[in-house]
Amino acid sequence: MLKKLAIMGVAVFFVLGAASSALAAGPSEHASCMGHEASAISPPGSSEEFPNGMPGLRAFIGENFPVPPGVIYSTIAKLHEGSHEACDEALEG
């Protein structure tokens, strides 16, 4: 019984370790541009682009676009450019 618990504990350790490594890697190339942006500016304080993280992005959108914020979020989420940099290029041009 103790041996089974030890084996299960080791298995859980490796599964959780692999999952946390995958999450730390950021979004996949198939993620939407909203996913790439959110990943690049989270957590707050980790990005010069939006130092306040997602709250900073929401404030920027609210202050600079005269449409409901959902319109902007939806537009960004429909883009799948493959990386944060490519998404920024697509949105700037």
PDB file of N, CA and C in Angstrom:
ATOM      1  N   MET A   1       0.826  -1.195   0.000  1.00  0.00           N
ATOM      2  CA  MET A   1       0.000   0.000   0.000  1.00  0.00           C
ATOM      3  C   MET A   1       0.872   1.261   0.000  1.00  0.00           C
ATOM      4  N   LEU A   2       1.871   1.263   0.849  1.00  0.00           N
ATOM      5  CA  LEU A   2       2.753   2.427   0.932  1.00  0.00           C
ATOM      6  C   LEU A   2       3.512   2.627  -0.377  1.00  0.00           C
ATOM      7  N   LYS A   3       3.898   1.516  -1.003  1.00  0.00           N
ATOM      8  CA  LYS A   3       4.608   1.603  -2.276  1.00  0.00           C
ATOM      9  C   LYS A   3       3.715   2.216  -3.355  1.00  0.00           C
ATOM     10  N   LYS A   4       2.422   1.835  -3.383  1.00  0.00           N
ATOM     11  CA  LYS A   4       1.482   2.398  -4.359  1.00  0.00           C
ATOM     12  C   LYS A   4       1.324   3.895  -4.138  1.00  0.00           C
ATOM     13  N   LEU A   5       1.210   4.315  -2.889  1.00  0.00           N
ATOM     14  CA  LEU A   5       1.066   5.746  -2.595  1.00  0.00           C
ATOM     15  C   LEU A   5       2.307   6.520  -3.033  1.00  0.00           C
ATOM     16  N   ALA A   6       3.474   5.939  -2.819  1.00  0.00           N
ATOM     17  CA  ALA A   6       4.715   6.599  -3.222  1.00  0.00           C
ATOM     18  C   ALA A   6       4.778   6.737  -4.740  1.00  0.00           C
ATOM     19  N   ILE A   7       4.393   5.693  -5.446  1.00  0.00           N
ATOM     20  CA  ILE A   7       4.399   5.735  -6.920  1.00  0.00           C
ATOM     21  C   ILE A   7       3.397   6.768  -7.407  1.00  0.00           C
ATOM     22  N   MET A   8       2.212   6.809  -6.798  1.00  0.00           N
ATOM     23  CA  MET A   8       1.200   7.792  -7.197  1.00  0.00           C
ATOM     24  C   MET A   8       1.700   9.208  -6.918  1.00  0.00           C
ATOM     25  N   GLY A   9       2.379   9.405  -5.793  1.00  0.00           N
ATOM     26  CA  GLY A   9       2.911  10.720  -5.460  1.00  0.00           C
ATOM     27  C   GLY A   9       3.936  11.185  -6.475  1.00  0.00           C
ATOM     28  N   VAL A  10       4.817  10.290  -6.904  1.00  0.00           N
ATOM     29  CA  VAL A  10       5.823  10.630  -7.907  1.00  0.00           C
ATOM     30  C   VAL A  10       5.148  10.954  -9.237  1.00  0.00           C
ATOM     31  N   ALA A  11       4.144  10.174  -9.602  1.00  0.00           N
ATOM     32  CA  ALA A  11       3.427  10.416 -10.860  1.00  0.00           C
ATOM     33  C   ALA A  11       2.743  11.782 -10.838  1.00  0.00           C
ATOM     34  N   VAL A  12       2.082  12.111  -9.741  1.00  0.00           N
ATOM     35  CA  VAL A  12       1.410  13.408  -9.622  1.00  0.00           C
ATOM     36  C   VAL A  12       2.438  14.536  -9.708  1.00  0.00           C
ATOM     37  N   PHE A  13       3.585  14.359  -9.059  1.00  0.00           N
ATOM     38  CA  PHE A  13       4.649  15.362  -9.096  1.00  0.00           C
ATOM     39  C   PHE A  13       5.079  15.634 -10.532  1.00  0.00           C
ATOM     40  N   PHE A  14       5.307  14.584 -11.311  1.00  0.00           N
ATOM     41  CA  PHE A  14       5.740  14.774 -12.694  1.00  0.00           C
ATOM     42  C   PHE A  14       4.647  15.370 -13.574  1.00  0.00           C
ATOM     43  N   VAL A  15       3.411  14.966 -13.378  1.00  0.00           N
ATOM     44  CA  VAL A  15       2.311  15.511 -14.172  1.00  0.00           C
ATOM     45  C   VAL A  15       2.132  16.997 -13.872  1.00  0.00           C
ATOM     46  N   LEU A  16       2.124  17.368 -12.609  1.00  0.00           N
ATOM     47  CA  LEU A  16       1.968  18.780 -12.255  1.00  0.00           C
ATOM     48  C   LEU A  16       3.162  19.597 -12.719  1.00  0.00           C
ATOM     49  N   GLY A  17       4.347  19.035 -12.640  1.00  0.00           N
ATOM     50  CA  GLY A  17       5.539  19.727 -13.114  1.00  0.00           C
ATOM     51  C   GLY A  17       5.470  19.983 -14.609  1.00  0.00           C
ATOM     52  N   ALA A  18       5.038  18.998 -15.372  1.00  0.00           N
ATOM     53  CA  ALA A  18       4.913  19.166 -16.830  1.00  0.00           C
ATOM     54  C   ALA A  18       3.838  20.194 -17.162  1.00  0.00           C
ATOM     55  N   ALA A  19       2.735  20.171 -16.434  1.00  0.00           N
ATOM     56  CA  ALA A  19       1.660  21.129 -16.693  1.00  0.00           C
ATOM     57  C   ALA A  19       2.116  22.551 -16.389  1.00  0.00           C
ATOM     58  N   SER A  20       2.821  22.743 -15.283  1.00  0.00           N
ATOM     59  CA  SER A  20       3.260  24.100 -14.954  1.00  0.00           C
ATOM     60  C   SER A  20       4.312  24.584 -15.935  1.00  0.00           C
ATOM     61  N   SER A  21       5.153  23.696 -16.452  1.00  0.00           N
ATOM     62  CA  SER A  21       6.137  24.088 -17.466  1.00  0.00           C
ATOM     63  C   SER A  21       5.444  24.508 -18.752  1.00  0.00           C
ATOM     64  N   ALA A  22       4.404  23.805 -19.121  1.00  0.00           N
ATOM     65  CA  ALA A  22       3.664  24.155 -20.335  1.00  0.00           C
ATOM     66  C   ALA A  22       2.984  25.506 -20.176  1.00  0.00           C
ATOM     67  N   LEU A  23       2.447  25.778 -19.004  1.00  0.00           N
ATOM     68  CA  LEU A  23       1.789  27.060 -18.780  1.00  0.00           C
ATOM     69  C   LEU A  23       2.797  28.198 -18.789  1.00  0.00           C
ATOM     70  N   ALA A  24       3.980  27.973 -18.268  1.00  0.00           N
ATOM     71  CA  ALA A  24       5.004  29.012 -18.225  1.00  0.00           C
ATOM     72  C   ALA A  24       5.536  29.340 -19.611  1.00  0.00           C
ATOM     73  N   ALA A  25       5.363  28.450 -20.556  1.00  0.00           N
ATOM     74  CA  ALA A  25       5.891  28.659 -21.899  1.00  0.00           C
ATOM     75  C   ALA A  25       5.119  29.717 -22.666  1.00  0.00           C
ATOM     76  N   GLY A  26       3.923  30.063 -22.246  1.00  0.00           N
ATOM     77  CA  GLY A  26       3.124  31.059 -22.951  1.00  0.00           C
ATOM     78  C   GLY A  26       2.168  30.392 -23.912  1.00  0.00           C
ATOM     79  N   PRO A  27       1.435  31.209 -24.651  1.00  0.00           N
ATOM     80  CA  PRO A  27       0.422  30.659 -25.549  1.00  0.00           C
ATOM     81  C   PRO A  27       1.052  29.974 -26.758  1.00  0.00           C
ATOM     82  N   SER A  28       0.337  29.055 -27.335  1.00  0.00           N
ATOM     83  CA  SER A  28       0.832  28.380 -28.534  1.00  0.00           C
ATOM     84  C   SER A  28       0.712  29.314 -29.727  1.00  0.00           C
ATOM     85  N   GLU A  29       1.317  28.934 -30.818  1.00  0.00           N
ATOM     86  CA  GLU A  29       1.255  29.754 -32.032  1.00  0.00           C
ATOM     87  C   GLU A  29      -0.164  29.842 -32.583  1.00  0.00           C
ATOM     88  N   HIS A  30      -1.053  28.966 -32.128  1.00  0.00           N
ATOM     89  CA  HIS A  30      -2.436  28.956 -32.611  1.00  0.00           C
ATOM     90  C   HIS A  30      -3.361  29.833 -31.769  1.00  0.00           C
ATOM     91  N   ALA A  31      -2.827  30.414 -30.702  1.00  0.00           N
ATOM     92  CA  ALA A  31      -3.650  31.261 -29.836  1.00  0.00           C
ATOM     93  C   ALA A  31      -4.079  32.523 -30.569  1.00  0.00           C
ATOM     94  N   SER A  32      -5.160  33.103 -30.109  1.00  0.00           N
ATOM     95  CA  SER A  32      -5.604  34.373 -30.697  1.00  0.00           C
ATOM     96  C   SER A  32      -4.647  35.478 -30.265  1.00  0.00           C
ATOM     97  N   CYS A  33      -4.722  36.584 -30.954  1.00  0.00           N
ATOM     98  CA  CYS A  33      -3.879  37.722 -30.578  1.00  0.00           C
ATOM     99  C   CYS A  33      -4.244  38.234 -29.182  1.00  0.00           C
ATOM    100  N   MET A  34      -5.498  38.057 -28.760  1.00  0.00           N
ATOM    101  CA  MET A  34      -5.876  38.446 -27.403  1.00  0.00           C
ATOM    102  C   MET A  34      -5.123  37.582 -26.397  1.00  0.00           C
ATOM    103  N   GLY A  35      -4.988  36.300 -26.687  1.00  0.00           N
ATOM    104  CA  GLY A  35      -4.227  35.402 -25.819  1.00  0.00           C
ATOM    105  C   GLY A  35      -2.757  35.772 -25.766  1.00  0.00           C
ATOM    106  N   HIS A  36      -2.174  36.094 -26.923  1.00  0.00           N
ATOM    107  CA  HIS A  36      -0.769  36.504 -26.959  1.00  0.00           C
ATOM    108  C   HIS A  36      -0.565  37.795 -26.170  1.00  0.00           C
ATOM    109  N   GLU A  37      -1.468  38.752 -26.351  1.00  0.00           N
ATOM    110  CA  GLU A  37      -1.345  40.036 -25.644  1.00  0.00           C
ATOM    111  C   GLU A  37      -1.476  39.829 -24.142  1.00  0.00           C
ATOM    112  N   ALA A  38      -2.496  39.100 -23.728  1.00  0.00           N
ATOM    113  CA  ALA A  38      -2.711  38.864 -22.298  1.00  0.00           C
ATOM    114  C   ALA A  38      -1.501  38.170 -21.677  1.00  0.00           C
ATOM    115  N   SER A  39      -0.955  37.199 -22.374  1.00  0.00           N
ATOM    116  CA  SER A  39       0.206  36.478 -21.865  1.00  0.00           C
ATOM    117  C   SER A  39       1.429  37.388 -21.764  1.00  0.00           C
ATOM    118  N   ALA A  40       1.590  38.278 -22.732  1.00  0.00           N
ATOM    119  CA  ALA A  40       2.765  39.146 -22.772  1.00  0.00           C
ATOM    120  C   ALA A  40       2.739  40.223 -21.698  1.00  0.00           C
ATOM    121  N   ILE A  41       1.568  40.600 -21.225  1.00  0.00           N
ATOM    122  CA  ILE A  41       1.487  41.694 -20.256  1.00  0.00           C
ATOM    123  C   ILE A  41       1.082  41.229 -18.860  1.00  0.00           C
ATOM    124  N   SER A  42       1.022  39.929 -18.655  1.00  0.00           N
ATOM    125  CA  SER A  42       0.645  39.384 -17.359  1.00  0.00           C
ATOM    126  C   SER A  42       1.825  38.654 -16.746  1.00  0.00           C
ATOM    127  N   PRO A  43       1.969  38.734 -15.468  1.00  0.00           N
ATOM    128  CA  PRO A  43       1.202  39.478 -14.481  1.00  0.00           C
ATOM    129  C   PRO A  43       1.565  40.963 -14.529  1.00  0.00           C
ATOM    130  N   PRO A  44       0.750  41.805 -13.891  1.00  0.00           N
ATOM    131  CA  PRO A  44       1.072  43.230 -13.861  1.00  0.00           C
ATOM    132  C   PRO A  44       2.510  43.443 -13.372  1.00  0.00           C
ATOM    133  N   GLY A  45       3.182  44.383 -14.022  1.00  0.00           N
ATOM    134  CA  GLY A  45       4.564  44.679 -13.668  1.00  0.00           C
ATOM    135  C   GLY A  45       5.590  43.934 -14.489  1.00  0.00           C
ATOM    136  N   SER A  46       5.141  43.015 -15.337  1.00  0.00           N
ATOM    137  CA  SER A  46       6.086  42.203 -16.111  1.00  0.00           C
ATOM    138  C   SER A  46       6.315  42.737 -17.521  1.00  0.00           C
ATOM    139  N   SER A  47       5.648  43.829 -17.893  1.00  0.00           N
ATOM    140  CA  SER A  47       5.751  44.350 -19.251  1.00  0.00           C
ATOM    141  C   SER A  47       5.846  45.871 -19.235  1.00  0.00           C
ATOM    142  N   GLU A  48       6.732  46.397 -20.061  1.00  0.00           N
ATOM    143  CA  GLU A  48       6.815  47.852 -20.214  1.00  0.00           C
ATOM    144  C   GLU A  48       5.650  48.365 -21.070  1.00  0.00           C
ATOM    145  N   GLU A  49       5.140  47.516 -21.957  1.00  0.00           N
ATOM    146  CA  GLU A  49       4.055  47.919 -22.853  1.00  0.00           C
ATOM    147  C   GLU A  49       2.815  48.351 -22.056  1.00  0.00           C
ATOM    148  N   PHE A  50       2.401  47.518 -21.115  1.00  0.00           N
ATOM    149  CA  PHE A  50       1.290  47.818 -20.221  1.00  0.00           C
ATOM    150  C   PHE A  50       1.714  47.380 -18.816  1.00  0.00           C
ATOM    151  N   PRO A  51       2.392  48.279 -18.076  1.00  0.00           N
ATOM    152  CA  PRO A  51       2.900  47.908 -16.746  1.00  0.00           C
ATOM    153  C   PRO A  51       1.817  47.429 -15.781  1.00  0.00           C
ATOM    154  N   ASN A  52       0.581  47.890 -15.982  1.00  0.00           N
ATOM    155  CA  ASN A  52      -0.507  47.468 -15.098  1.00  0.00           C
ATOM    156  C   ASN A  52      -1.187  46.197 -15.581  1.00  0.00           C
ATOM    157  N   GLY A  53      -0.622  45.523 -16.581  1.00  0.00           N
ATOM    158  CA  GLY A  53      -1.192  44.281 -17.081  1.00  0.00           C
ATOM    159  C   GLY A  53      -2.516  44.498 -17.798  1.00  0.00           C
ATOM    160  N   MET A  54      -3.409  43.532 -17.674  1.00  0.00           N
ATOM    161  CA  MET A  54      -4.704  43.602 -18.357  1.00  0.00           C
ATOM    162  C   MET A  54      -5.542  44.807 -17.911  1.00  0.00           C
ATOM    163  N   PRO A  55      -5.513  45.195 -16.627  1.00  0.00           N
ATOM    164  CA  PRO A  55      -6.249  46.420 -16.268  1.00  0.00           C
ATOM    165  C   PRO A  55      -5.733  47.641 -17.046  1.00  0.00           C
ATOM    166  N   GLY A  56      -4.436  47.692 -17.304  1.00  0.00           N
ATOM    167  CA  GLY A  56      -3.872  48.780 -18.092  1.00  0.00           C
ATOM    168  C   GLY A  56      -4.339  48.740 -19.536  1.00  0.00           C
ATOM    169  N   LEU A  57      -4.423  47.533 -20.099  1.00  0.00           N
ATOM    170  CA  LEU A  57      -4.921  47.387 -21.471  1.00  0.00           C
ATOM    171  C   LEU A  57      -6.387  47.821 -21.545  1.00  0.00           C
ATOM    172  N   ARG A  58      -7.191  47.394 -20.574  1.00  0.00           N
ATOM    173  CA  ARG A  58      -8.606  47.787 -20.554  1.00  0.00           C
ATOM    174  C   ARG A  58      -8.741  49.307 -20.466  1.00  0.00           C
ATOM    175  N   ALA A  59      -7.927  49.948 -19.627  1.00  0.00           N
ATOM    176  CA  ALA A  59      -7.983  51.404 -19.492  1.00  0.00           C
ATOM    177  C   ALA A  59      -7.584  52.083 -20.800  1.00  0.00           C
ATOM    178  N   PHE A  60      -6.537  51.571 -21.449  1.00  0.00           N
ATOM    179  CA  PHE A  60      -6.073  52.134 -22.722  1.00  0.00           C
ATOM    180  C   PHE A  60      -7.176  52.057 -23.775  1.00  0.00           C
ATOM    181  N   ILE A  61      -7.815  50.905 -23.877  1.00  0.00           N
ATOM    182  CA  ILE A  61      -8.888  50.729 -24.863  1.00  0.00           C
ATOM    183  C   ILE A  61     -10.045  51.668 -24.550  1.00  0.00           C
ATOM    184  N   GLY A  62     -10.435  51.761 -23.279  1.00  0.00           N
ATOM    185  CA  GLY A  62     -11.537  52.633 -22.895  1.00  0.00           C
ATOM    186  C   GLY A  62     -11.270  54.104 -23.173  1.00  0.00           C
ATOM    187  N   GLU A  63     -10.009  54.509 -23.029  1.00  0.00           N
ATOM    188  CA  GLU A  63      -9.647  55.919 -23.225  1.00  0.00           C
ATOM    189  C   GLU A  63      -9.421  56.281 -24.692  1.00  0.00           C
ATOM    190  N   ASN A  64      -9.115  55.324 -25.549  1.00  0.00           N
ATOM    191  CA  ASN A  64      -8.686  55.635 -26.909  1.00  0.00           C
ATOM    192  C   ASN A  64      -9.618  55.209 -28.030  1.00  0.00           C
ATOM    193  N   PHE A  65     -10.651  54.463 -27.718  1.00  0.00           N
ATOM    194  CA  PHE A  65     -11.542  53.986 -28.769  1.00  0.00           C
ATOM    195  C   PHE A  65     -12.985  54.308 -28.412  1.00  0.00           C
ATOM    196  N   PRO A  66     -13.690  55.022 -29.295  1.00  0.00           N
ATOM    197  CA  PRO A  66     -15.066  55.451 -29.013  1.00  0.00           C
ATOM    198  C   PRO A  66     -16.117  54.387 -29.329  1.00  0.00           C
ATOM    199  N   VAL A  67     -15.796  53.151 -29.071  1.00  0.00           N
ATOM    200  CA  VAL A  67     -16.736  52.045 -29.296  1.00  0.00           C
ATOM    201  C   VAL A  67     -16.764  51.196 -28.028  1.00  0.00           C
ATOM    202  N   PRO A  68     -17.782  50.367 -27.865  1.00  0.00           N
ATOM    203  CA  PRO A  68     -17.788  49.476 -26.698  1.00  0.00           C
ATOM    204  C   PRO A  68     -16.523  48.615 -26.687  1.00  0.00           C
ATOM    205  N   PRO A  69     -15.900  48.411 -25.532  1.00  0.00           N
ATOM    206  CA  PRO A  69     -14.659  47.639 -25.461  1.00  0.00           C
ATOM    207  C   PRO A  69     -14.760  46.245 -26.072  1.00  0.00           C
ATOM    208  N   GLY A  70     -15.935  45.648 -26.006  1.00  0.00           N
ATOM    209  CA  GLY A  70     -16.119  44.314 -26.581  1.00  0.00           C
ATOM    210  C   GLY A  70     -15.821  44.260 -28.063  1.00  0.00           C
ATOM    211  N   VAL A  71     -16.058  45.359 -28.755  1.00  0.00           N
ATOM    212  CA  VAL A  71     -15.770  45.417 -30.193  1.00  0.00           C
ATOM    213  C   VAL A  71     -14.270  45.265 -30.417  1.00  0.00           C
ATOM    214  N   ILE A  72     -13.477  45.946 -29.606  1.00  0.00           N
ATOM    215  CA  ILE A  72     -12.022  45.879 -29.731  1.00  0.00           C
ATOM    216  C   ILE A  72     -11.527  44.488 -29.342  1.00  0.00           C
ATOM    217  N   TYR A  73     -11.993  43.977 -28.201  1.00  0.00           N
ATOM    218  CA  TYR A  73     -11.564  42.646 -27.752  1.00  0.00           C
ATOM    219  C   TYR A  73     -11.898  41.592 -28.800  1.00  0.00           C
ATOM    220  N   SER A  74     -13.092  41.676 -29.364  1.00  0.00           N
ATOM    221  CA  SER A  74     -13.519  40.706 -30.372  1.00  0.00           C
ATOM    222  C   SER A  74     -12.630  40.769 -31.612  1.00  0.00           C
ATOM    223  N   THR A  75     -12.309  41.981 -32.033  1.00  0.00           N
ATOM    224  CA  THR A  75     -11.450  42.151 -33.207  1.00  0.00           C
ATOM    225  C   THR A  75     -10.078  41.537 -32.966  1.00  0.00           C
ATOM    226  N   ILE A  76      -9.500  41.799 -31.793  1.00  0.00           N
ATOM    227  CA  ILE A  76      -8.175  41.259 -31.466  1.00  0.00           C
ATOM    228  C   ILE A  76      -8.233  39.737 -31.353  1.00  0.00           C
ATOM    229  N   ALA A  77      -9.306  39.233 -30.750  1.00  0.00           N
ATOM    230  CA  ALA A  77      -9.427  37.784 -30.552  1.00  0.00           C
ATOM    231  C   ALA A  77      -9.610  37.024 -31.858  1.00  0.00           C
ATOM    232  N   LYS A  78     -10.091  37.688 -32.904  1.00  0.00           N
ATOM    233  CA  LYS A  78     -10.285  37.020 -34.193  1.00  0.00           C
ATOM    234  C   LYS A  78      -8.978  36.856 -34.967  1.00  0.00           C
ATOM    235  N   LEU A  79      -7.951  37.592 -34.556  1.00  0.00           N
ATOM    236  CA  LEU A  79      -6.655  37.499 -35.239  1.00  0.00           C
ATOM    237  C   LEU A  79      -5.838  36.354 -34.650  1.00  0.00           C
ATOM    238  N   HIS A  80      -5.199  35.604 -35.503  1.00  0.00           N
ATOM    239  CA  HIS A  80      -4.327  34.493 -35.095  1.00  0.00           C
ATOM    240  C   HIS A  80      -3.032  34.613 -35.888  1.00  0.00           C
ATOM    241  N   GLU A  81      -2.167  35.517 -35.476  1.00  0.00           N
ATOM    242  CA  GLU A  81      -0.960  35.838 -36.231  1.00  0.00           C
ATOM    243  C   GLU A  81       0.246  34.984 -35.858  1.00  0.00           C
ATOM    244  N   GLY A  82       0.178  34.230 -34.773  1.00  0.00           N
ATOM    245  CA  GLY A  82       1.250  33.293 -34.435  1.00  0.00           C
ATOM    246  C   GLY A  82       2.200  33.724 -33.338  1.00  0.00           C
ATOM    247  N   SER A  83       2.297  35.026 -33.041  1.00  0.00           N
ATOM    248  CA  SER A  83       3.174  35.488 -31.960  1.00  0.00           C
ATOM    249  C   SER A  83       2.718  36.868 -31.514  1.00  0.00           C
ATOM    250  N   HIS A  84       3.181  37.273 -30.351  1.00  0.00           N
ATOM    251  CA  HIS A  84       2.835  38.595 -29.842  1.00  0.00           C
ATOM    252  C   HIS A  84       3.344  39.682 -30.777  1.00  0.00           C
ATOM    253  N   GLU A  85       4.552  39.534 -31.262  1.00  0.00           N
ATOM    254  CA  GLU A  85       5.133  40.534 -32.160  1.00  0.00           C
ATOM    255  C   GLU A  85       4.342  40.649 -33.459  1.00  0.00           C
ATOM    256  N   ALA A  86       3.972  39.514 -34.036  1.00  0.00           N
ATOM    257  CA  ALA A  86       3.190  39.522 -35.275  1.00  0.00           C
ATOM    258  C   ALA A  86       1.809  40.130 -35.048  1.00  0.00           C
ATOM    259  N   CYS A  87       1.240  39.893 -33.883  1.00  0.00           N
ATOM    260  CA  CYS A  87      -0.054  40.491 -33.564  1.00  0.00           C
ATOM    261  C   CYS A  87       0.079  42.005 -33.457  1.00  0.00           C
ATOM    262  N   ASP A  88       1.130  42.468 -32.792  1.00  0.00           N
ATOM    263  CA  ASP A  88       1.332  43.919 -32.687  1.00  0.00           C
ATOM    264  C   ASP A  88       1.479  44.538 -34.072  1.00  0.00           C
ATOM    265  N   GLU A  89       2.216  43.892 -34.953  1.00  0.00           N
ATOM    266  CA  GLU A  89       2.376  44.394 -36.323  1.00  0.00           C
ATOM    267  C   GLU A  89       1.031  44.469 -37.056  1.00  0.00           C
ATOM    268  N   ALA A  90       0.237  43.422 -36.933  1.00  0.00           N
ATOM    269  CA  ALA A  90      -1.067  43.375 -37.598  1.00  0.00           C
ATOM    270  C   ALA A  90      -1.993  44.469 -37.078  1.00  0.00           C
ATOM    271  N   LEU A  91      -1.920  44.748 -35.782  1.00  0.00           N
ATOM    272  CA  LEU A  91      -2.806  45.749 -35.197  1.00  0.00           C
ATOM    273  C   LEU A  91      -2.329  47.166 -35.445  1.00  0.00           C
ATOM    274  N   GLU A  92      -1.042  47.354 -35.667  1.00  0.00           N
ATOM    275  CA  GLU A  92      -0.516  48.689 -35.940  1.00  0.00           C
ATOM    276  C   GLU A  92      -0.739  49.094 -37.385  1.00  0.00           C
ATOM    277  N   GLY A  93      -0.727  48.138 -38.287  1.00  0.00           N
ATOM    278  CA  GLY A  93      -0.792  48.464 -39.705  1.00  0.00           C
ATOM    279  C   GLY A  93      -2.113  48.288 -40.231  1.00  0.00           C
TER     280      GLY A  93
END
